[in-house]
Amino acid sequence: MKNYRKFMLLSVLLSVFIFSCKDDVDEIIEPVNTFENQVKEILDSVVIKEDVAGAALFAINNTGEEAWLASGLKNKEANEPLGKETKFRIASISKTFLAVTILQLMEEGKLAMDTKYASILPDSVVELFPYGNEITVYQLLSHTSGLYDFEDDQFVDILFQNLLYQWTPWDLMNHALNADSAVFFPPNTEYHYSNTNYILLGLIVEALTDKSLEQNIRERIIAPLSLNNTYSWEEAVSWENCATGYMAYGAGNMFVVNDQTLPLYFEWGHGQMVSTVYDLSLFFRALTNGKLFQYQETYNLMTDWTTLSGQTYGLGIDNLSGELGVGHDGSTGGNYSFASINPQTGAMIILCFNQSSDTFMGAAINPIYKIINP
């Protein structure tokens, strides 16, 4: 009986030991190294290393796995965390929305790519610029019009002298004409990225539809795609959950950017929109999947890259080369954005962050790109 009790005691102790060891093993097993975990590790690390306020990201790898996450702060003063649904000023990615609108108008027969803007806009606008009677809609879309970009260093200095000034399209075009460094080229002779082109395209949309540019984009793109956190700045109902921007300006100064300190009047037509990384993913998927045009040929035209000046820009969209595919980037007042999608594989990187940095974008995108396309 004594030996039996010893045996039973040993059995119980052994069971306890085995289960205890199992618990210990469970505790030290590393989590599965999923795509989302890999992306989060990169994003968190780069936000800290590059000392930016925060960033949001939506990515899809070439096998269809998704990562939608955020890191850092949307408002440093209030110590508010930046969430994956935080809204950003997307700057020049707005050009892609406007280009889609123009191409839809082409499909409706309201204009052609070789239509000269002089046939649509009033003489007061046409006569404002050199070669105004010769420039086509295609050349405006592809930045081959030869028009000077109003948003130069001199303009930024003027902007900061009166941050709340309500810039009109006419004001912006006049600066392009009268800037100290203004240079104009004959159309279709070289590529020259110019925000002035998209101001004219916005005016063309309004002239052809008798509706505001903002209403056109909402009715043609935002509403059909249910982009619930995307809007033109002029139509903003609420600024809730918008990222505060942090912009380096002057000698070591950091300017805090929000709707009260720097309204987006000066971005009309070329950079006026607000969105989230997820909404941008829906937009670029719809664009490359043929949901925004009646005909495949229209998307093909959009991605007919210019070769002038050694560039590869299409109509409101950029050829990012390699596995990155197509997309656009943008920057304005401490808000930076990047969107890319590979139309063949569906692989995607949408990244937005809210502080000036010369290196953050590349530091984040390059390692993420490697795990998207191993």
Protein backbone atom coordinates (compact mmCIF):
# COMPACT_ATOMS: atom_id res chain seq x y z
CA MET A 1 0.00 0.00 0.00
CA LYS A 2 2.86 2.33 0.86
CA ASN A 3 4.51 1.72 -2.54
CA TYR A 4 1.18 2.29 -4.30
CA ARG A 5 0.82 5.67 -2.56
CA LYS A 6 4.36 6.59 -3.57
CA PHE A 7 3.54 5.65 -7.17
CA MET A 8 0.37 7.77 -7.13
CA LEU A 9 2.23 10.71 -5.62
CA LEU A 10 4.95 10.48 -8.25
CA SER A 11 2.30 10.33 -11.00
CA VAL A 12 0.59 13.47 -9.73
CA LEU A 13 3.88 15.34 -9.40
CA LEU A 14 4.92 14.25 -12.89
CA SER A 15 1.60 15.46 -14.33
CA VAL A 16 1.98 18.81 -12.60
CA PHE A 17 5.53 19.10 -13.92
CA ILE A 18 4.50 18.25 -17.47
CA PHE A 19 1.63 20.73 -17.52
CA SER A 20 3.80 23.41 -15.89
CA CYS A 21 6.42 22.91 -18.55
CA LYS A 22 3.76 23.08 -21.25
CA ASP A 23 2.58 26.43 -19.85
CA ASP A 24 6.16 27.72 -19.85
CA VAL A 25 6.64 26.59 -23.44
CA ASP A 26 3.41 28.31 -24.48
CA GLU A 27 4.60 31.52 -22.87
CA ILE A 28 7.91 31.62 -24.72
CA ILE A 29 6.64 30.59 -28.18
CA GLU A 30 7.11 33.57 -30.49
CA PRO A 31 3.98 34.90 -32.23
CA VAL A 32 3.55 33.93 -35.86
CA ASN A 33 5.52 36.34 -38.03
CA THR A 34 2.53 37.46 -40.12
CA PHE A 35 2.66 40.08 -42.82
CA GLU A 36 0.86 42.58 -40.58
CA ASN A 37 3.31 41.96 -37.72
CA GLN A 38 6.24 42.51 -40.06
CA VAL A 39 4.79 45.75 -41.38
CA LYS A 40 3.94 47.03 -37.90
CA GLU A 41 7.48 46.37 -36.68
CA ILE A 42 8.88 48.37 -39.58
CA LEU A 43 6.43 51.26 -39.20
CA ASP A 44 6.89 51.58 -35.42
CA SER A 45 10.66 51.45 -35.78
CA VAL A 46 10.84 54.07 -38.54
CA VAL A 47 8.46 56.49 -36.76
CA ILE A 48 10.80 56.44 -33.75
CA LYS A 49 14.05 56.46 -35.71
CA GLU A 50 13.01 59.27 -38.07
CA ASP A 51 11.37 61.25 -35.24
CA VAL A 52 8.08 61.96 -37.00
CA ALA A 53 4.82 62.52 -35.16
CA GLY A 54 2.90 59.59 -36.63
CA ALA A 55 1.92 57.57 -39.67
CA ALA A 56 -0.90 55.42 -41.02
CA LEU A 57 -0.46 52.66 -43.56
CA PHE A 58 -2.50 50.25 -45.65
CA ALA A 59 -0.60 47.55 -47.51
CA ILE A 60 -1.33 44.36 -49.46
CA ASN A 61 1.39 41.87 -50.36
CA ASN A 62 1.55 39.88 -53.59
CA THR A 63 -0.38 36.97 -52.04
CA GLY A 64 -3.28 39.16 -50.90
CA GLU A 65 -2.48 39.54 -47.19
CA GLU A 66 -3.44 42.95 -45.79
CA ALA A 67 -1.96 45.22 -43.14
CA TRP A 68 -3.90 48.27 -41.96
CA LEU A 69 -2.32 50.03 -39.01
CA ALA A 70 -0.97 53.22 -37.50
CA SER A 71 1.85 54.41 -35.28
CA GLY A 72 2.67 57.53 -33.29
CA LEU A 73 0.60 60.64 -32.61
CA LYS A 74 -1.94 62.63 -34.61
CA ASN A 75 -1.55 65.55 -32.20
CA LYS A 76 1.64 65.97 -30.20
CA GLU A 77 0.35 68.77 -27.97
CA ALA A 78 -2.63 66.70 -26.78
CA ASN A 79 -0.67 63.42 -26.90
CA GLU A 80 -3.45 61.91 -29.04
CA PRO A 81 -2.55 58.64 -30.75
CA LEU A 82 -2.81 58.46 -34.51
CA GLY A 83 -5.30 55.79 -35.60
CA LYS A 84 -5.59 53.81 -38.80
CA GLU A 85 -8.70 55.87 -39.71
CA THR A 86 -7.03 59.24 -39.09
CA LYS A 87 -7.57 61.65 -41.99
CA PHE A 88 -4.73 63.46 -43.76
CA ARG A 89 -4.41 66.22 -46.30
CA ILE A 90 -3.41 64.12 -49.32
CA ALA A 91 -2.05 67.03 -51.38
CA SER A 92 -1.15 66.08 -54.97
CA ILE A 93 -2.88 62.70 -54.84
CA SER A 94 -5.88 65.00 -55.39
CA LYS A 95 -4.62 65.34 -58.98
CA THR A 96 -5.53 61.72 -59.67
CA PHE A 97 -9.14 62.39 -58.59
CA LEU A 98 -9.31 65.44 -60.87
CA ALA A 99 -7.73 63.55 -63.78
CA VAL A 100 -10.35 60.79 -63.44
CA THR A 101 -13.07 63.46 -63.53
CA ILE A 102 -11.64 64.99 -66.72
CA LEU A 103 -11.38 61.57 -68.39
CA GLN A 104 -14.99 60.79 -67.44
CA LEU A 105 -16.01 64.02 -69.13
CA MET A 106 -14.08 62.85 -72.20
CA GLU A 107 -16.04 59.57 -72.17
CA GLU A 108 -19.26 61.64 -72.03
CA GLY A 109 -18.18 63.54 -75.15
CA LYS A 110 -17.78 66.90 -73.43
CA LEU A 111 -14.12 67.28 -74.46
CA ALA A 112 -11.27 65.46 -76.17
CA MET A 113 -7.64 65.13 -75.23
CA ASP A 114 -6.65 67.44 -78.08
CA THR A 115 -9.23 70.06 -77.06
CA LYS A 116 -7.49 73.36 -76.45
CA TYR A 117 -8.44 74.94 -73.16
CA ALA A 118 -8.90 78.20 -75.05
CA SER A 119 -12.11 76.74 -76.50
CA ILE A 120 -13.57 76.20 -73.01
CA LEU A 121 -12.32 78.95 -70.70
CA PRO A 122 -12.85 82.71 -71.11
CA ASP A 123 -10.35 84.88 -72.94
CA SER A 124 -9.28 86.51 -69.68
CA VAL A 125 -7.82 83.17 -68.60
CA VAL A 126 -6.50 82.12 -72.00
CA GLU A 127 -4.67 85.38 -72.58
CA LEU A 128 -3.10 85.24 -69.13
CA PHE A 129 -0.37 82.80 -70.20
CA PRO A 130 2.07 82.57 -73.07
CA TYR A 131 0.96 79.93 -75.61
CA GLY A 132 -2.50 79.96 -73.99
CA ASN A 133 -4.21 79.40 -77.34
CA GLU A 134 -2.12 76.30 -78.10
CA ILE A 135 -2.29 74.24 -74.88
CA THR A 136 -4.45 71.09 -74.92
CA VAL A 137 -6.24 69.25 -72.14
CA TYR A 138 -3.84 66.33 -72.61
CA GLN A 139 -0.86 68.63 -72.05
CA LEU A 140 -2.37 70.03 -68.86
CA LEU A 141 -2.98 66.52 -67.51
CA SER A 142 0.50 65.28 -68.39
CA HIS A 143 2.45 68.38 -67.25
CA THR A 144 3.70 69.00 -70.76
CA SER A 145 1.93 72.36 -71.21
CA GLY A 146 5.03 74.43 -70.47
CA LEU A 147 3.21 76.46 -67.78
CA TYR A 148 5.22 77.67 -64.80
CA ASP A 149 4.37 76.17 -61.41
CA PHE A 150 2.96 78.92 -59.20
CA GLU A 151 3.92 77.05 -56.00
CA ASP A 152 7.56 78.12 -55.90
CA ASP A 153 9.72 79.30 -52.98
CA GLN A 154 8.59 82.87 -53.47
CA PHE A 155 4.96 81.79 -53.16
CA VAL A 156 5.66 79.92 -49.92
CA ASP A 157 7.21 83.08 -48.47
CA ILE A 158 4.13 85.07 -49.49
CA LEU A 159 1.86 82.37 -48.08
CA PHE A 160 3.49 82.58 -44.67
CA GLN A 161 3.06 86.34 -44.57
CA ASN A 162 -0.71 85.88 -44.50
CA LEU A 163 -1.61 82.27 -43.71
CA LEU A 164 -5.36 82.85 -43.60
CA TYR A 165 -5.63 84.61 -46.96
CA GLN A 166 -8.44 83.19 -49.10
CA TRP A 167 -6.56 82.45 -52.29
CA THR A 168 -8.65 82.21 -55.46
CA PRO A 169 -7.68 80.30 -58.62
CA TRP A 170 -7.14 83.69 -60.25
CA ASP A 171 -4.70 84.73 -57.51
CA LEU A 172 -2.71 81.53 -57.94
CA MET A 173 -2.54 81.80 -61.72
CA ASN A 174 -1.45 85.42 -61.45
CA HIS A 175 1.45 84.39 -59.24
CA ALA A 176 2.50 81.83 -61.86
CA LEU A 177 2.58 84.63 -64.41
CA ASN A 178 4.30 87.26 -62.29
CA ALA A 179 6.72 85.24 -60.15
CA ASP A 180 10.31 86.42 -60.31
CA SER A 181 11.48 83.01 -61.59
CA ALA A 182 8.59 82.41 -64.00
CA VAL A 183 9.64 80.59 -67.18
CA PHE A 184 7.23 79.31 -69.82
CA PHE A 185 7.99 76.75 -72.53
CA PRO A 186 6.17 75.97 -75.77
CA PRO A 187 3.71 73.14 -75.12
CA ASN A 188 4.78 69.55 -75.73
CA THR A 189 8.49 70.38 -75.76
CA GLU A 190 9.38 69.17 -72.27
CA TYR A 191 7.93 67.82 -69.03
CA HIS A 192 7.59 70.34 -66.22
CA TYR A 193 5.51 69.41 -63.17
CA SER A 194 3.24 72.35 -62.54
CA ASN A 195 0.33 72.75 -60.13
CA THR A 196 -0.90 75.54 -62.39
CA ASN A 197 -2.04 72.90 -64.89
CA TYR A 198 -4.53 71.43 -62.45
CA ILE A 199 -5.99 74.79 -61.51
CA LEU A 200 -6.91 75.20 -65.17
CA LEU A 201 -8.30 71.65 -65.28
CA GLY A 202 -10.49 72.42 -62.26
CA LEU A 203 -11.85 75.48 -64.05
CA ILE A 204 -12.52 73.35 -67.13
CA VAL A 205 -14.56 70.87 -65.07
CA GLU A 206 -16.68 73.67 -63.66
CA ALA A 207 -17.17 75.33 -67.06
CA LEU A 208 -18.34 72.09 -68.70
CA THR A 209 -20.68 70.92 -65.94
CA ASP A 210 -22.05 74.08 -64.29
CA LYS A 211 -21.16 72.41 -60.98
CA SER A 212 -18.31 73.03 -58.59
CA LEU A 213 -15.18 70.91 -58.85
CA GLU A 214 -15.90 69.62 -55.35
CA GLN A 215 -19.42 68.52 -56.29
CA ASN A 216 -18.16 66.76 -59.41
CA ILE A 217 -15.57 64.75 -57.49
CA ARG A 218 -18.11 63.86 -54.82
CA GLU A 219 -20.78 62.72 -57.26
CA ARG A 220 -18.47 60.95 -59.69
CA ILE A 221 -15.97 59.26 -57.35
CA ILE A 222 -16.53 59.69 -53.62
CA ALA A 223 -20.20 58.70 -53.45
CA PRO A 224 -20.11 55.76 -55.91
CA LEU A 225 -17.12 54.24 -54.11
CA SER A 226 -18.51 55.01 -50.62
CA LEU A 227 -15.33 56.81 -49.60
CA ASN A 228 -16.80 57.83 -46.29
CA ASN A 229 -13.71 59.64 -44.99
CA THR A 230 -12.77 61.44 -48.19
CA TYR A 231 -13.79 64.94 -49.21
CA SER A 232 -12.61 68.11 -50.83
CA TRP A 233 -11.44 70.55 -48.17
CA GLU A 234 -14.06 73.12 -49.13
CA GLU A 235 -16.83 70.61 -48.36
CA ALA A 236 -15.55 69.51 -44.95
CA VAL A 237 -18.36 69.00 -42.46
CA SER A 238 -16.13 68.12 -39.52
CA TRP A 239 -12.41 68.23 -38.82
CA GLU A 240 -12.72 65.48 -36.23
CA ASN A 241 -9.97 62.86 -36.41
CA CYS A 242 -7.77 64.86 -38.78
CA ALA A 243 -4.02 64.67 -38.30
CA THR A 244 -2.27 67.81 -37.11
CA GLY A 245 0.66 68.54 -39.39
CA TYR A 246 4.12 69.58 -38.23
CA MET A 247 6.07 71.57 -40.78
CA ALA A 248 9.68 72.65 -40.48
CA TYR A 249 9.92 76.33 -41.35
CA GLY A 250 12.71 78.83 -40.87
CA ALA A 251 15.71 78.19 -38.64
CA GLY A 252 14.74 75.18 -36.55
CA ASN A 253 11.09 76.18 -36.19
CA MET A 254 8.19 73.73 -36.31
CA PHE A 255 4.91 75.17 -37.57
CA VAL A 256 1.72 73.44 -36.37
CA VAL A 257 -0.69 72.94 -39.28
CA ASN A 258 -4.45 72.60 -38.89
CA ASP A 259 -7.56 74.17 -40.38
CA GLN A 260 -7.22 77.27 -38.20
CA THR A 261 -3.54 77.92 -38.89
CA LEU A 262 -3.29 77.04 -42.60
CA PRO A 263 -6.54 76.66 -44.59
CA LEU A 264 -6.24 74.93 -47.95
CA TYR A 265 -7.43 77.77 -50.19
CA PHE A 266 -4.07 77.73 -51.97
CA GLU A 267 -4.43 74.04 -52.88
CA TRP A 268 -7.60 74.38 -54.97
CA GLY A 269 -7.67 72.03 -57.93
CA HIS A 270 -4.30 70.44 -57.40
CA GLY A 271 -4.11 69.38 -53.74
CA GLN A 272 -7.30 70.21 -51.86
CA MET A 273 -8.49 66.78 -50.72
CA VAL A 274 -8.55 64.97 -47.37
CA SER A 275 -8.67 61.19 -47.01
CA THR A 276 -7.54 58.08 -45.11
CA VAL A 277 -5.16 55.34 -46.15
CA TYR A 278 -8.06 52.88 -46.41
CA ASP A 279 -10.20 55.14 -48.59
CA LEU A 280 -7.20 55.72 -50.85
CA SER A 281 -6.77 51.97 -51.17
CA LEU A 282 -10.41 51.70 -52.32
CA PHE A 283 -9.91 54.51 -54.83
CA PHE A 284 -6.77 53.10 -56.44
CA ARG A 285 -8.20 49.58 -56.54
CA ALA A 286 -11.32 50.89 -58.28
CA LEU A 287 -9.20 52.90 -60.70
CA THR A 288 -7.00 49.99 -61.77
CA ASN A 289 -9.91 47.51 -61.79
CA GLY A 290 -11.83 49.55 -64.35
CA LYS A 291 -14.66 50.69 -62.05
CA LEU A 292 -14.27 54.42 -62.70
CA PHE A 293 -14.36 54.42 -66.50
CA GLN A 294 -16.75 53.07 -69.10
CA TYR A 295 -13.95 51.76 -71.28
CA GLN A 296 -10.62 50.05 -70.64
CA GLU A 297 -9.11 52.29 -73.30
CA THR A 298 -9.61 55.29 -71.02
CA TYR A 299 -7.43 53.79 -68.29
CA ASN A 300 -4.89 52.81 -70.96
CA LEU A 301 -4.81 56.45 -72.06
CA MET A 302 -4.34 57.57 -68.47
CA THR A 303 -1.25 55.36 -68.23
CA ASP A 304 0.21 56.34 -71.59
CA TRP A 305 3.43 57.68 -70.10
CA THR A 306 5.11 60.78 -71.47
CA THR A 307 8.78 60.38 -72.30
CA LEU A 308 9.60 64.09 -72.50
CA SER A 309 12.55 65.16 -70.35
CA GLY A 310 13.15 61.50 -69.47
CA GLN A 311 9.98 61.31 -67.37
CA THR A 312 7.31 58.62 -67.12
CA TYR A 313 4.21 60.51 -65.98
CA GLY A 314 0.75 59.75 -67.30
CA LEU A 315 -2.48 61.71 -66.92
CA GLY A 316 -2.66 62.52 -63.22
CA ILE A 317 -0.87 59.30 -62.35
CA ASP A 318 2.78 58.33 -62.10
CA ASN A 319 4.67 55.30 -63.34
CA LEU A 320 6.50 54.19 -60.19
CA SER A 321 8.32 51.39 -62.05
CA GLY A 322 8.87 47.78 -61.10
CA GLU A 323 6.62 45.99 -58.64
CA LEU A 324 5.35 49.29 -57.17
CA GLY A 325 3.27 49.78 -60.31
CA VAL A 326 1.41 53.08 -60.56
CA GLY A 327 0.28 55.78 -58.15
CA HIS A 328 1.03 59.28 -56.91
CA ASP A 329 2.49 61.12 -53.95
CA GLY A 330 1.83 64.46 -52.34
CA SER A 331 2.99 66.87 -49.67
CA THR A 332 1.53 69.98 -48.09
CA GLY A 333 2.03 71.67 -44.74
CA GLY A 334 3.45 68.78 -42.71
CA ASN A 335 1.19 66.18 -44.38
CA TYR A 336 2.84 63.67 -46.69
CA SER A 337 1.21 60.86 -48.66
CA PHE A 338 2.19 58.07 -51.01
CA ALA A 339 -0.03 55.67 -52.94
CA SER A 340 1.09 52.79 -55.13
CA ILE A 341 -0.63 49.75 -56.60
CA ASN A 342 0.55 47.00 -58.91
CA PRO A 343 -2.39 46.48 -61.30
CA GLN A 344 -1.25 42.94 -62.12
CA THR A 345 -0.84 41.55 -58.59
CA GLY A 346 -2.93 43.96 -56.52
CA ALA A 347 0.05 44.60 -54.22
CA MET A 348 -0.29 48.02 -52.65
CA ILE A 349 1.34 50.54 -50.32
CA ILE A 350 -0.64 53.56 -49.07
CA LEU A 351 1.29 55.63 -46.52
CA CYS A 352 0.47 58.97 -44.88
CA PHE A 353 2.40 60.80 -42.17
CA ASN A 354 2.13 64.17 -40.49
CA GLN A 355 5.53 65.75 -40.02
CA SER A 356 8.23 67.19 -42.24
CA SER A 357 10.92 64.66 -43.06
CA ASP A 358 13.31 64.29 -45.98
CA THR A 359 13.88 60.60 -45.36
CA PHE A 360 10.83 59.04 -43.66
CA MET A 361 8.98 58.04 -46.82
CA GLY A 362 11.87 56.08 -48.28
CA ALA A 363 12.88 54.64 -44.91
CA ALA A 364 9.40 53.16 -44.47
CA ILE A 365 8.52 52.18 -48.04
CA ASN A 366 11.76 50.43 -48.98
CA PRO A 367 11.68 47.68 -46.31
CA ILE A 368 7.90 47.24 -46.67
CA TYR A 369 8.34 46.91 -50.42
CA LYS A 370 10.81 44.07 -49.83
CA ILE A 371 8.37 42.01 -47.78
CA ILE A 372 5.51 42.73 -50.17
CA ASN A 373 7.60 41.38 -53.03
CA PRO A 374 10.08 38.93 -51.43
